[in-house]
Each structure stands twice: as structure tokens, then as C-alpha cells.
């Protein structure tokens, strides 16, 4: 997936691709909306690899509980 824009939109793409649910309070925070990214993300990779990459790019952490991410 090629993308350029706010990181919250990338997370919404990941949510749809992997059939996951992100905590909507987190997705709507102003701090997260300030982070932008440009590049290519291989969604066919393992979900943990994708989320680790996003975490490193956005200086954030995530917690996975089954199909829920916080």
C-alpha cells in the first residue's frame, strides 16, 4: 500500500485489511493526527511486523488483545 498522509488513516487501512478494531479514542487523538507518513507498507506481512513499523514511525506503542488493538 502506497500512502501519504496522517497516520490515523494508515491505521484505518490496517484495521480494514486485517479485520481488526482499534480503540477509536486513540485514533481520534490530536497527537496521532499530527503524525504523517509517506511510503509503502506491505500489508501482506505479519500484523505484528506492520504494527511494529507503524509504532517506530509514529513514536507510539500498541497493545494487541486478540482482534483489538490499543
PDB file of N, CA and C in Angstrom:
ATOM      1  N   UNK A   1       0.846  -1.160   0.000  1.00  0.00           N
ATOM      2  CA  UNK A   1       0.000   0.000   0.000  1.00  0.00           C
ATOM      3  C   UNK A   1       0.898   1.230   0.000  1.00  0.00           C
ATOM      4  N   UNK A   2       0.740   2.092  -0.994  1.00  0.00           N
ATOM      5  CA  UNK A   2       1.442   3.378  -1.009  1.00  0.00           C
ATOM      6  C   UNK A   2       0.537   4.395  -0.357  1.00  0.00           C
ATOM      7  N   UNK A   3       1.144   5.253   0.455  1.00  0.00           N
ATOM      8  CA  UNK A   3       0.324   6.198   1.193  1.00  0.00           C
ATOM      9  C   UNK A   3       1.128   7.431   1.547  1.00  0.00           C
ATOM     10  N   UNK A   4       0.419   8.548   1.605  1.00  0.00           N
ATOM     11  CA  UNK A   4       0.997   9.793   2.099  1.00  0.00           C
ATOM     12  C   UNK A   4      -0.110  10.551   2.810  1.00  0.00           C
ATOM     13  N   UNK A   5       0.038  10.722   4.110  1.00  0.00           N
ATOM     14  CA  UNK A   5      -0.984  11.429   4.869  1.00  0.00           C
ATOM     15  C   UNK A   5      -0.911  11.110   6.350  1.00  0.00           C
ATOM     16  N   UNK A   6      -1.967  11.459   7.078  1.00  0.00           N
ATOM     17  CA  UNK A   6      -1.996  11.240   8.528  1.00  0.00           C
ATOM     18  C   UNK A   6      -1.918   9.757   8.902  1.00  0.00           C
ATOM     19  N   UNK A   7      -1.214   9.469   9.975  1.00  0.00           N
ATOM     20  CA  UNK A   7      -1.030   8.092  10.414  1.00  0.00           C
ATOM     21  C   UNK A   7      -2.349   7.440  10.830  1.00  0.00           C
ATOM     22  N   UNK A   8      -3.320   8.239  11.290  1.00  0.00           N
ATOM     23  CA  UNK A   8      -4.591   7.641  11.680  1.00  0.00           C
ATOM     24  C   UNK A   8      -5.306   7.016  10.483  1.00  0.00           C
ATOM     25  N   UNK A   9      -5.089   7.577   9.291  1.00  0.00           N
ATOM     26  CA  UNK A   9      -5.682   6.985   8.087  1.00  0.00           C
ATOM     27  C   UNK A   9      -4.990   5.669   7.728  1.00  0.00           C
ATOM     28  N   UNK A  10      -3.677   5.595   7.958  1.00  0.00           N
ATOM     29  CA  UNK A  10      -2.958   4.330   7.743  1.00  0.00           C
ATOM     30  C   UNK A  10      -3.525   3.260   8.672  1.00  0.00           C
ATOM     31  N   UNK A  11      -3.761   3.638   9.924  1.00  0.00           N
ATOM     32  CA  UNK A  11      -4.299   2.681  10.890  1.00  0.00           C
ATOM     33  C   UNK A  11      -5.698   2.214  10.498  1.00  0.00           C
ATOM     34  N   UNK A  12      -6.483   3.087   9.906  1.00  0.00           N
ATOM     35  CA  UNK A  12      -7.814   2.685   9.440  1.00  0.00           C
ATOM     36  C   UNK A  12      -7.707   1.679   8.295  1.00  0.00           C
ATOM     37  N   UNK A  13      -6.709   1.861   7.423  1.00  0.00           N
ATOM     38  CA  UNK A  13      -6.467   0.896   6.342  1.00  0.00           C
ATOM     39  C   UNK A  13      -6.061  -0.465   6.914  1.00  0.00           C
ATOM     40  N   UNK A  14      -5.179  -0.426   7.912  1.00  0.00           N
ATOM     41  CA  UNK A  14      -4.741  -1.673   8.570  1.00  0.00           C
ATOM     42  C   UNK A  14      -5.935  -2.357   9.227  1.00  0.00           C
ATOM     43  N   UNK A  15      -6.773  -1.571   9.865  1.00  0.00           N
ATOM     44  CA  UNK A  15      -7.964  -2.088  10.538  1.00  0.00           C
ATOM     45  C   UNK A  15      -8.852  -2.844   9.545  1.00  0.00           C
ATOM     46  N   UNK A  16      -9.080  -2.263   8.384  1.00  0.00           N
ATOM     47  CA  UNK A  16      -9.927  -2.913   7.377  1.00  0.00           C
ATOM     48  C   UNK A  16      -9.254  -4.150   6.791  1.00  0.00           C
ATOM     49  N   UNK A  17      -7.960  -4.048   6.479  1.00  0.00           N
ATOM     50  CA  UNK A  17      -7.252  -5.151   5.833  1.00  0.00           C
ATOM     51  C   UNK A  17      -7.201  -6.389   6.728  1.00  0.00           C
ATOM     52  N   UNK A  18      -6.920  -6.185   8.007  1.00  0.00           N
ATOM     53  CA  UNK A  18      -6.763  -7.307   8.933  1.00  0.00           C
ATOM     54  C   UNK A  18      -8.032  -7.622   9.721  1.00  0.00           C
ATOM     55  N   UNK A  19      -9.129  -6.910   9.434  1.00  0.00           N
ATOM     56  CA  UNK A  19     -10.397  -7.125  10.130  1.00  0.00           C
ATOM     57  C   UNK A  19     -10.211  -6.994  11.644  1.00  0.00           C
ATOM     58  N   UNK A  20      -9.648  -5.850  12.040  1.00  0.00           N
ATOM     59  CA  UNK A  20      -9.342  -5.558  13.436  1.00  0.00           C
ATOM     60  C   UNK A  20     -10.188  -4.398  13.924  1.00  0.00           C
ATOM     61  N   UNK A  21     -10.094  -4.146  15.203  1.00  0.00           N
ATOM     62  CA  UNK A  21     -10.739  -2.976  15.791  1.00  0.00           C
ATOM     63  C   UNK A  21      -9.710  -2.216  16.612  1.00  0.00           C
ATOM     64  N   UNK A  22      -9.513  -0.939  16.252  1.00  0.00           N
ATOM     65  CA  UNK A  22      -8.663  -0.064  17.041  1.00  0.00           C
ATOM     66  C   UNK A  22      -9.533   0.694  18.026  1.00  0.00           C
ATOM     67  N   UNK A  23      -8.972   1.036  19.147  1.00  0.00           N
ATOM     68  CA  UNK A  23      -9.660   1.879  20.122  1.00  0.00           C
ATOM     69  C   UNK A  23      -9.883   3.245  19.467  1.00  0.00           C
ATOM     70  N   UNK A  24     -11.133   3.606  19.226  1.00  0.00           N
ATOM     71  CA  UNK A  24     -11.455   4.832  18.499  1.00  0.00           C
ATOM     72  C   UNK A  24     -10.995   6.084  19.250  1.00  0.00           C
ATOM     73  N   UNK A  25     -10.923   6.039  20.574  1.00  0.00           N
ATOM     74  CA  UNK A  25     -10.419   7.187  21.332  1.00  0.00           C
ATOM     75  C   UNK A  25      -8.976   7.490  20.943  1.00  0.00           C
ATOM     76  N   UNK A  26      -8.226   6.432  20.702  1.00  0.00           N
ATOM     77  CA  UNK A  26      -6.822   6.612  20.323  1.00  0.00           C
ATOM     78  C   UNK A  26      -6.725   7.176  18.906  1.00  0.00           C
ATOM     79  N   UNK A  27      -7.534   6.662  17.991  1.00  0.00           N
ATOM     80  CA  UNK A  27      -7.473   7.128  16.607  1.00  0.00           C
ATOM     81  C   UNK A  27      -7.880   8.588  16.454  1.00  0.00           C
ATOM     82  N   UNK A  28      -8.673   9.082  17.375  1.00  0.00           N
ATOM     83  CA  UNK A  28      -9.156  10.453  17.239  1.00  0.00           C
ATOM     84  C   UNK A  28      -8.349  11.469  18.045  1.00  0.00           C
ATOM     85  N   UNK A  29      -7.252  11.049  18.668  1.00  0.00           N
ATOM     86  CA  UNK A  29      -6.448  11.999  19.447  1.00  0.00           C
ATOM     87  C   UNK A  29      -5.703  12.956  18.527  1.00  0.00           C
ATOM     88  N   UNK A  30      -5.630  14.226  18.913  1.00  0.00           N
ATOM     89  CA  UNK A  30      -4.917  15.214  18.088  1.00  0.00           C
ATOM     90  C   UNK A  30      -3.444  14.859  17.882  1.00  0.00           C
ATOM     91  N   UNK A  31      -2.802  14.277  18.898  1.00  0.00           N
ATOM     92  CA  UNK A  31      -1.389  13.912  18.767  1.00  0.00           C
ATOM     93  C   UNK A  31      -1.173  12.928  17.631  1.00  0.00           C
ATOM     94  N   UNK A  32      -2.058  11.952  17.516  1.00  0.00           N
ATOM     95  CA  UNK A  32      -1.911  10.947  16.466  1.00  0.00           C
ATOM     96  C   UNK A  32      -2.188  11.561  15.100  1.00  0.00           C
ATOM     97  N   UNK A  33      -3.140  12.458  15.016  1.00  0.00           N
ATOM     98  CA  UNK A  33      -3.462  13.097  13.736  1.00  0.00           C
ATOM     99  C   UNK A  33      -2.330  13.996  13.244  1.00  0.00           C
ATOM    100  N   UNK A  34      -1.457  14.441  14.142  1.00  0.00           N
ATOM    101  CA  UNK A  34      -0.331  15.282  13.748  1.00  0.00           C
ATOM    102  C   UNK A  34       0.765  14.485  13.056  1.00  0.00           C
ATOM    103  N   UNK A  35       0.845  13.183  13.349  1.00  0.00           N
ATOM    104  CA  UNK A  35       1.854  12.336  12.715  1.00  0.00           C
ATOM    105  C   UNK A  35       1.434  12.044  11.281  1.00  0.00           C
ATOM    106  N   UNK A  36       2.354  12.248  10.359  1.00  0.00           N
ATOM    107  CA  UNK A  36       2.092  11.903   8.969  1.00  0.00           C
ATOM    108  C   UNK A  36       3.163  10.933   8.505  1.00  0.00           C
ATOM    109  N   UNK A  37       2.855  10.233   7.451  1.00  0.00           N
ATOM    110  CA  UNK A  37       3.842   9.308   6.899  1.00  0.00           C
ATOM    111  C   UNK A  37       3.687   9.258   5.389  1.00  0.00           C
ATOM    112  N   UNK A  38       4.760   8.900   4.743  1.00  0.00           N
ATOM    113  CA  UNK A  38       4.788   8.720   3.303  1.00  0.00           C
ATOM    114  C   UNK A  38       5.602   7.476   3.033  1.00  0.00           C
ATOM    115  N   UNK A  39       5.082   6.598   2.219  1.00  0.00           N
ATOM    116  CA  UNK A  39       5.844   5.411   1.890  1.00  0.00           C
ATOM    117  C   UNK A  39       4.965   4.266   1.469  1.00  0.00           C
ATOM    118  N   UNK A  40       5.542   3.085   1.552  1.00  0.00           N
ATOM    119  CA  UNK A  40       4.856   1.867   1.140  1.00  0.00           C
ATOM    120  C   UNK A  40       4.847   0.911   2.320  1.00  0.00           C
ATOM    121  N   UNK A  41       3.688   0.391   2.624  1.00  0.00           N
ATOM    122  CA  UNK A  41       3.527  -0.557   3.724  1.00  0.00           C
ATOM    123  C   UNK A  41       2.983  -1.852   3.146  1.00  0.00           C
ATOM    124  N   UNK A  42       3.689  -2.946   3.386  1.00  0.00           N
ATOM    125  CA  UNK A  42       3.259  -4.244   2.870  1.00  0.00           C
ATOM    126  C   UNK A  42       2.294  -4.876   3.863  1.00  0.00           C
ATOM    127  N   UNK A  43       1.016  -4.749   3.577  1.00  0.00           N
ATOM    128  CA  UNK A  43       0.009  -5.286   4.491  1.00  0.00           C
ATOM    129  C   UNK A  43      -0.035  -6.800   4.484  1.00  0.00           C
ATOM    130  N   UNK A  44       0.607  -7.420   3.497  1.00  0.00           N
ATOM    131  CA  UNK A  44       0.622  -8.879   3.477  1.00  0.00           C
ATOM    132  C   UNK A  44       1.596  -9.443   4.511  1.00  0.00           C
ATOM    133  N   UNK A  45       2.433  -8.576   5.077  1.00  0.00           N
ATOM    134  CA  UNK A  45       3.333  -9.003   6.148  1.00  0.00           C
ATOM    135  C   UNK A  45       2.532  -9.378   7.389  1.00  0.00           C
ATOM    136  N   UNK A  46       3.188 -10.006   8.309  1.00  0.00           N
ATOM    137  CA  UNK A  46       2.607 -10.343   9.608  1.00  0.00           C
ATOM    138  C   UNK A  46       2.120  -9.066  10.291  1.00  0.00           C
ATOM    139  N   UNK A  47       0.939  -9.115  10.908  1.00  0.00           N
ATOM    140  CA  UNK A  47       0.361  -7.941  11.562  1.00  0.00           C
ATOM    141  C   UNK A  47       1.317  -7.329  12.580  1.00  0.00           C
ATOM    142  N   UNK A  48       1.988  -8.151  13.358  1.00  0.00           N
ATOM    143  CA  UNK A  48       2.913  -7.608  14.356  1.00  0.00           C
ATOM    144  C   UNK A  48       4.062  -6.845  13.699  1.00  0.00           C
ATOM    145  N   UNK A  49       4.536  -7.310  12.538  1.00  0.00           N
ATOM    146  CA  UNK A  49       5.571  -6.567  11.810  1.00  0.00           C
ATOM    147  C   UNK A  49       5.046  -5.222  11.338  1.00  0.00           C
ATOM    148  N   UNK A  50       3.825  -5.208  10.820  1.00  0.00           N
ATOM    149  CA  UNK A  50       3.211  -3.966  10.347  1.00  0.00           C
ATOM    150  C   UNK A  50       3.059  -2.981  11.505  1.00  0.00           C
ATOM    151  N   UNK A  51       2.531  -3.458  12.629  1.00  0.00           N
ATOM    152  CA  UNK A  51       2.301  -2.576  13.772  1.00  0.00           C
ATOM    153  C   UNK A  51       3.610  -2.104  14.395  1.00  0.00           C
ATOM    154  N   UNK A  52       4.621  -2.939  14.395  1.00  0.00           N
ATOM    155  CA  UNK A  52       5.930  -2.527  14.901  1.00  0.00           C
ATOM    156  C   UNK A  52       6.501  -1.420  14.034  1.00  0.00           C
ATOM    157  N   UNK A  53       6.367  -1.538  12.720  1.00  0.00           N
ATOM    158  CA  UNK A  53       6.835  -0.500  11.805  1.00  0.00           C
ATOM    159  C   UNK A  53       6.096   0.809  12.043  1.00  0.00           C
ATOM    160  N   UNK A  54       4.774   0.742  12.159  1.00  0.00           N
ATOM    161  CA  UNK A  54       3.976   1.942  12.401  1.00  0.00           C
ATOM    162  C   UNK A  54       4.353   2.559  13.747  1.00  0.00           C
ATOM    163  N   UNK A  55       4.558   1.723  14.756  1.00  0.00           N
ATOM    164  CA  UNK A  55       4.934   2.218  16.083  1.00  0.00           C
ATOM    165  C   UNK A  55       6.267   2.957  16.038  1.00  0.00           C
ATOM    166  N   UNK A  56       7.216   2.401  15.314  1.00  0.00           N
ATOM    167  CA  UNK A  56       8.527   3.049  15.204  1.00  0.00           C
ATOM    168  C   UNK A  56       8.427   4.380  14.466  1.00  0.00           C
ATOM    169  N   UNK A  57       7.635   4.416  13.411  1.00  0.00           N
ATOM    170  CA  UNK A  57       7.497   5.646  12.626  1.00  0.00           C
ATOM    171  C   UNK A  57       6.767   6.747  13.385  1.00  0.00           C
ATOM    172  N   UNK A  58       5.819   6.353  14.229  1.00  0.00           N
ATOM    173  CA  UNK A  58       4.993   7.354  14.914  1.00  0.00           C
ATOM    174  C   UNK A  58       5.393   7.568  16.370  1.00  0.00           C
ATOM    175  N   UNK A  59       6.454   6.899  16.810  1.00  0.00           N
ATOM    176  CA  UNK A  59       6.907   7.003  18.202  1.00  0.00           C
ATOM    177  C   UNK A  59       5.788   6.680  19.177  1.00  0.00           C
ATOM    178  N   UNK A  60       5.031   5.640  18.879  1.00  0.00           N
ATOM    179  CA  UNK A  60       3.934   5.200  19.731  1.00  0.00           C
ATOM    180  C   UNK A  60       4.111   3.733  20.077  1.00  0.00           C
ATOM    181  N   UNK A  61       3.277   3.260  20.971  1.00  0.00           N
ATOM    182  CA  UNK A  61       3.260   1.851  21.338  1.00  0.00           C
ATOM    183  C   UNK A  61       1.855   1.328  21.135  1.00  0.00           C
ATOM    184  N   UNK A  62       1.732   0.039  20.966  1.00  0.00           N
ATOM    185  CA  UNK A  62       0.421  -0.566  20.836  1.00  0.00           C
ATOM    186  C   UNK A  62       0.348  -1.822  21.691  1.00  0.00           C
ATOM    187  N   UNK A  63      -0.862  -2.186  22.047  1.00  0.00           N
ATOM    188  CA  UNK A  63      -1.121  -3.425  22.781  1.00  0.00           C
ATOM    189  C   UNK A  63      -2.140  -4.201  21.978  1.00  0.00           C
ATOM    190  N   UNK A  64      -1.872  -5.460  21.752  1.00  0.00           N
ATOM    191  CA  UNK A  64      -2.783  -6.302  20.988  1.00  0.00           C
ATOM    192  C   UNK A  64      -3.458  -7.291  21.924  1.00  0.00           C
ATOM    193  N   UNK A  65      -4.784  -7.326  21.840  1.00  0.00           N
ATOM    194  CA  UNK A  65      -5.585  -8.261  22.625  1.00  0.00           C
ATOM    195  C   UNK A  65      -6.526  -8.955  21.652  1.00  0.00           C
ATOM    196  N   UNK A  66      -6.059 -10.049  21.052  1.00  0.00           N
ATOM    197  CA  UNK A  66      -6.848 -10.732  20.031  1.00  0.00           C
ATOM    198  C   UNK A  66      -7.000  -9.848  18.810  1.00  0.00           C
ATOM    199  N   UNK A  67      -8.255  -9.521  18.472  1.00  0.00           N
ATOM    200  CA  UNK A  67      -8.528  -8.661  17.313  1.00  0.00           C
ATOM    201  C   UNK A  67      -8.702  -7.194  17.709  1.00  0.00           C
ATOM    202  N   UNK A  68      -8.365  -6.868  18.938  1.00  0.00           N
ATOM    203  CA  UNK A  68      -8.455  -5.484  19.411  1.00  0.00           C
ATOM    204  C   UNK A  68      -7.055  -4.929  19.612  1.00  0.00           C
ATOM    205  N   UNK A  69      -6.855  -3.699  19.158  1.00  0.00           N
ATOM    206  CA  UNK A  69      -5.573  -3.028  19.340  1.00  0.00           C
ATOM    207  C   UNK A  69      -5.780  -1.731  20.082  1.00  0.00           C
ATOM    208  N   UNK A  70      -4.900  -1.476  21.041  1.00  0.00           N
ATOM    209  CA  UNK A  70      -4.987  -0.273  21.870  1.00  0.00           C
ATOM    210  C   UNK A  70      -3.682   0.488  21.794  1.00  0.00           C
TER     211      UNK A  70
END
